[in-house]
Amino acid sequence: MTDTPPSYPTSRNPFADHVGFTMDPPVPGESTSRLQIAPQHLNPNGVLHGAVLYAMADTGMGAAVFPTLAEGELCATIEIKMSYFKALVRGEVVCRTVLVNRGKRVAYLESSALAGDVLLARASGTYAIFTPSRSAGG
């Protein structure tokens, strides 16, 4: 185990790049992602697609857990529950995530997606914390 926690690879996140959001450098137990809404983010009704907010929350949760991992450990989503409150058609979305509880094998997190002071959605999620075995997937 090293003295320095691993850093989440925010400089290269192909999925976030594909969706169109950026990640602020996370600190252990917290993360922030940002998205400027563009036409490709809208659903057929002309409002921000819920999957965009879900992707921001899921990625943000992983980014908040990642710096708490020991060398050789990984994390993976177990489940996420997302509740949507307001629709948005333009502007910036900020998704803030906080690690609420970190056990040895499971972490619980909460994310809030906001447009200014307006709460768009809230997510809660659990993440598995594990050391992959050499035989996994092979």
N, C-alpha and C. Protein backbone atom coordinates (compact mmCIF):
# COMPACT_ATOMS: atom_id res chain seq x y z
N MET A 1 0.84 -1.18 0.00
CA MET A 1 0.00 0.00 0.00
C MET A 1 0.89 1.24 0.00
N THR A 2 0.51 2.23 -0.79
CA THR A 2 1.29 3.45 -0.87
C THR A 2 0.74 4.50 0.08
N ASP A 3 1.55 5.51 0.37
CA ASP A 3 1.12 6.61 1.24
C ASP A 3 0.17 7.55 0.53
N THR A 4 0.25 7.59 -0.78
CA THR A 4 -0.59 8.49 -1.57
C THR A 4 -1.74 7.71 -2.18
N PRO A 5 -2.99 8.20 -2.01
CA PRO A 5 -4.10 7.48 -2.62
C PRO A 5 -4.02 7.55 -4.13
N PRO A 6 -4.54 6.53 -4.82
CA PRO A 6 -4.51 6.58 -6.28
C PRO A 6 -5.34 7.75 -6.78
N SER A 7 -4.93 8.30 -7.90
CA SER A 7 -5.71 9.41 -8.46
C SER A 7 -6.63 8.88 -9.54
N TYR A 8 -7.86 9.39 -9.54
CA TYR A 8 -8.82 8.97 -10.54
C TYR A 8 -8.39 9.54 -11.88
N PRO A 9 -8.44 8.76 -12.94
CA PRO A 9 -7.92 9.22 -14.24
C PRO A 9 -8.85 10.23 -14.92
N THR A 10 -8.92 11.45 -14.34
CA THR A 10 -9.82 12.46 -14.90
C THR A 10 -9.29 13.04 -16.20
N SER A 11 -7.98 12.95 -16.43
CA SER A 11 -7.43 13.53 -17.65
C SER A 11 -7.84 12.71 -18.88
N ARG A 12 -8.19 11.45 -18.68
CA ARG A 12 -8.60 10.61 -19.79
C ARG A 12 -9.77 9.75 -19.35
N ASN A 13 -10.95 10.17 -19.73
CA ASN A 13 -12.15 9.40 -19.42
C ASN A 13 -12.97 9.33 -20.70
N PRO A 14 -12.72 8.31 -21.53
CA PRO A 14 -13.38 8.25 -22.83
C PRO A 14 -14.91 8.29 -22.75
N PHE A 15 -15.51 7.67 -21.73
CA PHE A 15 -16.96 7.68 -21.63
C PHE A 15 -17.47 9.09 -21.33
N ALA A 16 -16.86 9.77 -20.36
CA ALA A 16 -17.26 11.15 -20.05
C ALA A 16 -17.06 12.04 -21.27
N ASP A 17 -15.96 11.84 -21.99
CA ASP A 17 -15.72 12.62 -23.21
C ASP A 17 -16.83 12.36 -24.23
N HIS A 18 -17.23 11.11 -24.37
CA HIS A 18 -18.27 10.74 -25.33
C HIS A 18 -19.61 11.40 -24.97
N VAL A 19 -19.96 11.35 -23.69
CA VAL A 19 -21.24 11.95 -23.25
C VAL A 19 -21.14 13.47 -23.28
N GLY A 20 -19.96 14.01 -22.97
CA GLY A 20 -19.77 15.45 -23.04
C GLY A 20 -19.67 16.15 -21.70
N PHE A 21 -19.33 15.42 -20.64
CA PHE A 21 -19.14 16.10 -19.35
C PHE A 21 -17.70 16.01 -18.90
N THR A 22 -17.33 16.92 -18.02
CA THR A 22 -15.98 16.96 -17.48
C THR A 22 -16.03 16.66 -15.98
N MET A 23 -14.91 16.18 -15.47
CA MET A 23 -14.79 15.89 -14.05
C MET A 23 -13.76 16.83 -13.43
N ASP A 24 -14.15 17.50 -12.34
CA ASP A 24 -13.17 18.25 -11.56
C ASP A 24 -12.26 17.22 -10.89
N PRO A 25 -11.02 17.59 -10.56
CA PRO A 25 -10.18 16.63 -9.84
C PRO A 25 -10.85 16.24 -8.52
N PRO A 26 -11.09 14.94 -8.29
CA PRO A 26 -11.78 14.54 -7.07
C PRO A 26 -10.86 14.56 -5.86
N VAL A 27 -11.46 14.66 -4.72
CA VAL A 27 -10.77 14.45 -3.45
C VAL A 27 -11.37 13.19 -2.86
N PRO A 28 -10.67 12.50 -1.97
CA PRO A 28 -11.25 11.28 -1.41
C PRO A 28 -12.64 11.54 -0.83
N GLY A 29 -13.62 10.79 -1.34
CA GLY A 29 -14.98 10.89 -0.83
C GLY A 29 -15.86 11.94 -1.47
N GLU A 30 -15.37 12.65 -2.47
CA GLU A 30 -16.17 13.68 -3.13
C GLU A 30 -15.78 13.78 -4.61
N SER A 31 -16.74 14.21 -5.42
CA SER A 31 -16.43 14.51 -6.82
C SER A 31 -17.46 15.48 -7.36
N THR A 32 -17.08 16.16 -8.44
CA THR A 32 -17.98 17.09 -9.14
C THR A 32 -17.78 16.91 -10.63
N SER A 33 -18.90 16.78 -11.35
CA SER A 33 -18.86 16.73 -12.81
C SER A 33 -19.73 17.85 -13.35
N ARG A 34 -19.43 18.29 -14.59
CA ARG A 34 -20.11 19.42 -15.21
C ARG A 34 -20.45 19.11 -16.66
N LEU A 35 -21.61 19.62 -17.07
CA LEU A 35 -22.05 19.41 -18.44
C LEU A 35 -22.75 20.67 -18.94
N GLN A 36 -22.34 21.14 -20.11
CA GLN A 36 -23.06 22.20 -20.80
C GLN A 36 -24.00 21.50 -21.78
N ILE A 37 -25.31 21.68 -21.61
CA ILE A 37 -26.28 20.96 -22.42
C ILE A 37 -26.15 21.37 -23.89
N ALA A 38 -26.11 20.36 -24.75
CA ALA A 38 -26.05 20.53 -26.21
C ALA A 38 -27.19 19.71 -26.82
N PRO A 39 -27.49 19.93 -28.10
CA PRO A 39 -28.61 19.20 -28.73
C PRO A 39 -28.55 17.68 -28.58
N GLN A 40 -27.36 17.09 -28.59
CA GLN A 40 -27.26 15.64 -28.48
C GLN A 40 -27.61 15.11 -27.09
N HIS A 41 -27.76 15.99 -26.10
CA HIS A 41 -28.12 15.58 -24.74
C HIS A 41 -29.63 15.55 -24.51
N LEU A 42 -30.40 15.99 -25.51
CA LEU A 42 -31.85 16.10 -25.34
C LEU A 42 -32.58 14.83 -25.77
N ASN A 43 -33.68 14.54 -25.09
CA ASN A 43 -34.51 13.40 -25.49
C ASN A 43 -35.49 13.86 -26.58
N PRO A 44 -36.35 12.98 -27.11
CA PRO A 44 -37.28 13.39 -28.17
C PRO A 44 -38.26 14.50 -27.75
N ASN A 45 -38.45 14.71 -26.45
CA ASN A 45 -39.32 15.78 -25.96
C ASN A 45 -38.60 17.12 -25.86
N GLY A 46 -37.31 17.13 -26.18
CA GLY A 46 -36.55 18.38 -26.15
C GLY A 46 -36.01 18.77 -24.79
N VAL A 47 -35.97 17.83 -23.84
CA VAL A 47 -35.39 18.11 -22.53
C VAL A 47 -34.19 17.19 -22.28
N LEU A 48 -33.38 17.56 -21.32
CA LEU A 48 -32.19 16.78 -21.00
C LEU A 48 -32.56 15.32 -20.72
N HIS A 49 -31.90 14.40 -21.39
CA HIS A 49 -32.18 12.97 -21.23
C HIS A 49 -31.73 12.51 -19.85
N GLY A 50 -32.57 11.74 -19.19
CA GLY A 50 -32.24 11.25 -17.86
C GLY A 50 -30.98 10.40 -17.81
N ALA A 51 -30.67 9.72 -18.91
CA ALA A 51 -29.47 8.89 -18.94
C ALA A 51 -28.20 9.72 -18.81
N VAL A 52 -28.24 10.97 -19.22
CA VAL A 52 -27.08 11.85 -19.07
C VAL A 52 -26.83 12.09 -17.58
N LEU A 53 -27.89 12.40 -16.84
CA LEU A 53 -27.75 12.62 -15.40
C LEU A 53 -27.30 11.34 -14.70
N TYR A 54 -27.84 10.21 -15.12
CA TYR A 54 -27.44 8.93 -14.54
C TYR A 54 -25.95 8.68 -14.78
N ALA A 55 -25.49 8.93 -15.99
CA ALA A 55 -24.08 8.72 -16.31
C ALA A 55 -23.18 9.62 -15.47
N MET A 56 -23.61 10.86 -15.27
CA MET A 56 -22.82 11.78 -14.44
C MET A 56 -22.76 11.30 -12.99
N ALA A 57 -23.88 10.80 -12.47
CA ALA A 57 -23.92 10.31 -11.09
C ALA A 57 -23.06 9.06 -10.94
N ASP A 58 -23.21 8.10 -11.84
CA ASP A 58 -22.46 6.84 -11.77
C ASP A 58 -20.96 7.10 -11.86
N THR A 59 -20.55 7.91 -12.80
CA THR A 59 -19.14 8.22 -12.96
C THR A 59 -18.62 9.00 -11.75
N GLY A 60 -19.43 9.92 -11.26
CA GLY A 60 -19.05 10.69 -10.07
C GLY A 60 -18.89 9.83 -8.84
N MET A 61 -19.75 8.83 -8.70
CA MET A 61 -19.63 7.93 -7.56
C MET A 61 -18.33 7.14 -7.62
N GLY A 62 -18.02 6.61 -8.79
CA GLY A 62 -16.74 5.90 -8.95
C GLY A 62 -15.56 6.80 -8.66
N ALA A 63 -15.64 8.05 -9.11
CA ALA A 63 -14.54 9.00 -8.89
C ALA A 63 -14.38 9.34 -7.41
N ALA A 64 -15.48 9.36 -6.65
CA ALA A 64 -15.40 9.66 -5.22
C ALA A 64 -14.84 8.48 -4.42
N VAL A 65 -15.16 7.25 -4.83
CA VAL A 65 -14.66 6.07 -4.13
C VAL A 65 -13.20 5.80 -4.48
N PHE A 66 -12.82 6.00 -5.72
CA PHE A 66 -11.51 5.60 -6.23
C PHE A 66 -10.34 6.04 -5.35
N PRO A 67 -10.27 7.31 -4.90
CA PRO A 67 -9.12 7.71 -4.08
C PRO A 67 -9.07 7.05 -2.70
N THR A 68 -10.13 6.36 -2.28
CA THR A 68 -10.14 5.69 -0.98
C THR A 68 -9.65 4.25 -1.08
N LEU A 69 -9.40 3.78 -2.29
CA LEU A 69 -9.01 2.39 -2.49
C LEU A 69 -7.54 2.16 -2.15
N ALA A 70 -7.26 0.98 -1.63
CA ALA A 70 -5.88 0.57 -1.40
C ALA A 70 -5.29 0.11 -2.73
N GLU A 71 -3.98 0.02 -2.77
CA GLU A 71 -3.31 -0.44 -3.98
C GLU A 71 -3.82 -1.84 -4.34
N GLY A 72 -4.21 -2.02 -5.60
CA GLY A 72 -4.70 -3.30 -6.09
C GLY A 72 -6.21 -3.45 -6.00
N GLU A 73 -6.89 -2.56 -5.28
CA GLU A 73 -8.34 -2.65 -5.17
C GLU A 73 -9.01 -1.95 -6.34
N LEU A 74 -10.21 -2.40 -6.67
CA LEU A 74 -11.06 -1.77 -7.66
C LEU A 74 -12.44 -1.56 -7.04
N CYS A 75 -13.26 -0.78 -7.72
CA CYS A 75 -14.65 -0.63 -7.30
C CYS A 75 -15.54 -0.81 -8.51
N ALA A 76 -16.79 -1.22 -8.24
CA ALA A 76 -17.76 -1.43 -9.32
C ALA A 76 -19.15 -1.16 -8.77
N THR A 77 -20.00 -0.62 -9.62
CA THR A 77 -21.37 -0.34 -9.23
C THR A 77 -22.11 -1.62 -8.88
N ILE A 78 -22.78 -1.62 -7.73
CA ILE A 78 -23.71 -2.70 -7.38
C ILE A 78 -25.11 -2.29 -7.82
N GLU A 79 -25.53 -1.10 -7.39
CA GLU A 79 -26.83 -0.58 -7.81
C GLU A 79 -26.88 0.92 -7.60
N ILE A 80 -27.74 1.57 -8.39
CA ILE A 80 -27.99 3.01 -8.25
C ILE A 80 -29.49 3.23 -8.40
N LYS A 81 -30.02 4.04 -7.51
CA LYS A 81 -31.42 4.48 -7.61
C LYS A 81 -31.39 5.96 -7.93
N MET A 82 -32.14 6.34 -8.95
CA MET A 82 -32.15 7.73 -9.40
C MET A 82 -33.58 8.26 -9.36
N SER A 83 -33.74 9.43 -8.76
CA SER A 83 -35.04 10.12 -8.74
C SER A 83 -34.89 11.44 -9.47
N TYR A 84 -35.81 11.71 -10.39
CA TYR A 84 -35.77 12.92 -11.21
C TYR A 84 -36.86 13.88 -10.73
N PHE A 85 -36.51 15.17 -10.64
CA PHE A 85 -37.43 16.17 -10.09
C PHE A 85 -37.81 17.27 -11.07
N LYS A 86 -36.86 17.76 -11.85
CA LYS A 86 -37.11 18.88 -12.77
C LYS A 86 -36.49 18.58 -14.12
N ALA A 87 -37.15 19.09 -15.16
CA ALA A 87 -36.62 18.97 -16.53
C ALA A 87 -35.80 20.22 -16.85
N LEU A 88 -34.84 20.07 -17.74
CA LEU A 88 -34.00 21.19 -18.15
C LEU A 88 -33.78 21.11 -19.65
N VAL A 89 -33.76 22.25 -20.33
CA VAL A 89 -33.59 22.26 -21.78
C VAL A 89 -32.28 22.93 -22.22
N ARG A 90 -31.70 23.74 -21.35
CA ARG A 90 -30.45 24.42 -21.70
C ARG A 90 -29.71 24.79 -20.43
N GLY A 91 -28.44 25.13 -20.60
CA GLY A 91 -27.64 25.58 -19.46
C GLY A 91 -26.64 24.54 -19.01
N GLU A 92 -26.13 24.76 -17.82
CA GLU A 92 -25.11 23.87 -17.25
C GLU A 92 -25.70 23.03 -16.13
N VAL A 93 -25.29 21.77 -16.11
CA VAL A 93 -25.64 20.85 -15.03
C VAL A 93 -24.36 20.55 -14.25
N VAL A 94 -24.47 20.58 -12.93
CA VAL A 94 -23.37 20.21 -12.06
C VAL A 94 -23.84 19.05 -11.20
N CYS A 95 -23.06 17.99 -11.17
CA CYS A 95 -23.39 16.81 -10.36
C CYS A 95 -22.35 16.68 -9.26
N ARG A 96 -22.81 16.81 -8.02
CA ARG A 96 -21.93 16.71 -6.85
C ARG A 96 -22.19 15.38 -6.15
N THR A 97 -21.12 14.68 -5.85
CA THR A 97 -21.22 13.37 -5.22
C THR A 97 -20.44 13.36 -3.92
N VAL A 98 -21.00 12.67 -2.93
CA VAL A 98 -20.34 12.53 -1.64
C VAL A 98 -20.43 11.08 -1.18
N LEU A 99 -19.33 10.60 -0.64
CA LEU A 99 -19.25 9.27 -0.06
C LEU A 99 -19.83 9.34 1.35
N VAL A 100 -20.95 8.66 1.57
CA VAL A 100 -21.64 8.71 2.86
C VAL A 100 -21.07 7.68 3.82
N ASN A 101 -20.81 6.46 3.33
CA ASN A 101 -20.28 5.41 4.19
C ASN A 101 -19.35 4.51 3.38
N ARG A 102 -18.19 4.22 3.95
CA ARG A 102 -17.20 3.37 3.28
C ARG A 102 -16.86 2.22 4.21
N GLY A 103 -17.33 1.01 3.88
CA GLY A 103 -16.95 -0.17 4.63
C GLY A 103 -15.79 -0.86 3.95
N LYS A 104 -15.46 -2.05 4.42
CA LYS A 104 -14.35 -2.80 3.82
C LYS A 104 -14.67 -3.28 2.41
N ARG A 105 -15.94 -3.65 2.16
CA ARG A 105 -16.31 -4.23 0.87
C ARG A 105 -17.41 -3.49 0.13
N VAL A 106 -18.10 -2.55 0.79
CA VAL A 106 -19.20 -1.83 0.15
C VAL A 106 -19.14 -0.35 0.55
N ALA A 107 -19.38 0.51 -0.43
CA ALA A 107 -19.45 1.95 -0.19
C ALA A 107 -20.84 2.44 -0.59
N TYR A 108 -21.36 3.41 0.15
CA TYR A 108 -22.65 4.02 -0.15
C TYR A 108 -22.41 5.49 -0.46
N LEU A 109 -22.99 5.97 -1.59
CA LEU A 109 -22.78 7.34 -2.03
C LEU A 109 -24.08 8.01 -2.42
N GLU A 110 -24.07 9.34 -2.44
CA GLU A 110 -25.22 10.12 -2.90
C GLU A 110 -24.73 11.20 -3.86
N SER A 111 -25.50 11.39 -4.92
CA SER A 111 -25.19 12.43 -5.92
C SER A 111 -26.41 13.34 -6.07
N SER A 112 -26.13 14.62 -6.28
CA SER A 112 -27.19 15.60 -6.58
C SER A 112 -26.83 16.30 -7.88
N ALA A 113 -27.77 16.30 -8.83
CA ALA A 113 -27.59 17.00 -10.10
C ALA A 113 -28.35 18.32 -10.00
N LEU A 114 -27.64 19.41 -10.25
CA LEU A 114 -28.19 20.75 -10.05
C LEU A 114 -28.01 21.62 -11.28
N ALA A 115 -28.96 22.53 -11.47
CA ALA A 115 -28.84 23.63 -12.43
C ALA A 115 -28.93 24.89 -11.58
N GLY A 116 -27.79 25.46 -11.26
CA GLY A 116 -27.77 26.55 -10.29
C GLY A 116 -28.18 26.00 -8.94
N ASP A 117 -29.22 26.59 -8.34
CA ASP A 117 -29.73 26.11 -7.06
C ASP A 117 -30.90 25.14 -7.21
N VAL A 118 -31.26 24.80 -8.44
CA VAL A 118 -32.42 23.93 -8.69
C VAL A 118 -31.96 22.48 -8.72
N LEU A 119 -32.57 21.65 -7.87
CA LEU A 119 -32.28 20.22 -7.83
C LEU A 119 -33.00 19.53 -8.97
N LEU A 120 -32.24 18.95 -9.90
CA LEU A 120 -32.81 18.23 -11.04
C LEU A 120 -33.07 16.77 -10.71
N ALA A 121 -32.11 16.15 -10.01
CA ALA A 121 -32.20 14.73 -9.70
C ALA A 121 -31.28 14.41 -8.53
N ARG A 122 -31.61 13.31 -7.88
CA ARG A 122 -30.76 12.81 -6.80
C ARG A 122 -30.61 11.31 -6.99
N ALA A 123 -29.40 10.81 -6.72
CA ALA A 123 -29.12 9.38 -6.85
C ALA A 123 -28.47 8.87 -5.58
N SER A 124 -28.75 7.62 -5.27
CA SER A 124 -28.03 6.93 -4.20
C SER A 124 -27.50 5.64 -4.79
N GLY A 125 -26.32 5.26 -4.38
CA GLY A 125 -25.72 4.08 -4.97
C GLY A 125 -24.81 3.33 -4.03
N THR A 126 -24.67 2.05 -4.30
CA THR A 126 -23.72 1.22 -3.57
C THR A 126 -22.68 0.68 -4.56
N TYR A 127 -21.46 0.61 -4.08
CA TYR A 127 -20.33 0.16 -4.88
C TYR A 127 -19.61 -0.97 -4.16
N ALA A 128 -19.25 -1.99 -4.90
CA ALA A 128 -18.42 -3.07 -4.37
C ALA A 128 -16.97 -2.62 -4.37
N ILE A 129 -16.25 -3.00 -3.34
CA ILE A 129 -14.81 -2.76 -3.25
C ILE A 129 -14.16 -4.14 -3.19
N PHE A 130 -13.24 -4.40 -4.10
CA PHE A 130 -12.70 -5.75 -4.21
C PHE A 130 -11.30 -5.72 -4.81
N THR A 131 -10.61 -6.83 -4.62
CA THR A 131 -9.32 -7.08 -5.26
C THR A 131 -9.57 -8.14 -6.31
N PRO A 132 -9.36 -7.83 -7.58
CA PRO A 132 -9.64 -8.83 -8.62
C PRO A 132 -8.72 -10.03 -8.50
N SER A 133 -9.26 -11.20 -8.78
CA SER A 133 -8.44 -12.40 -8.77
C SER A 133 -7.86 -12.60 -10.16
N ARG A 134 -6.80 -13.32 -10.24
CA ARG A 134 -6.16 -13.56 -11.54
C ARG A 134 -7.03 -14.41 -12.44
N SER A 135 -7.90 -15.23 -11.85
CA SER A 135 -8.73 -16.11 -12.67
C SER A 135 -10.02 -15.45 -13.12
N ALA A 136 -10.32 -14.24 -12.62
CA ALA A 136 -11.57 -13.57 -12.98
C ALA A 136 -11.60 -13.27 -14.48
N GLY A 137 -12.69 -13.65 -15.11
CA GLY A 137 -12.88 -13.37 -16.53
C GLY A 137 -12.02 -14.21 -17.45
N GLY A 138 -11.34 -15.19 -16.92
CA GLY A 138 -10.44 -15.92 -17.80
C GLY A 138 -10.58 -17.34 -17.76
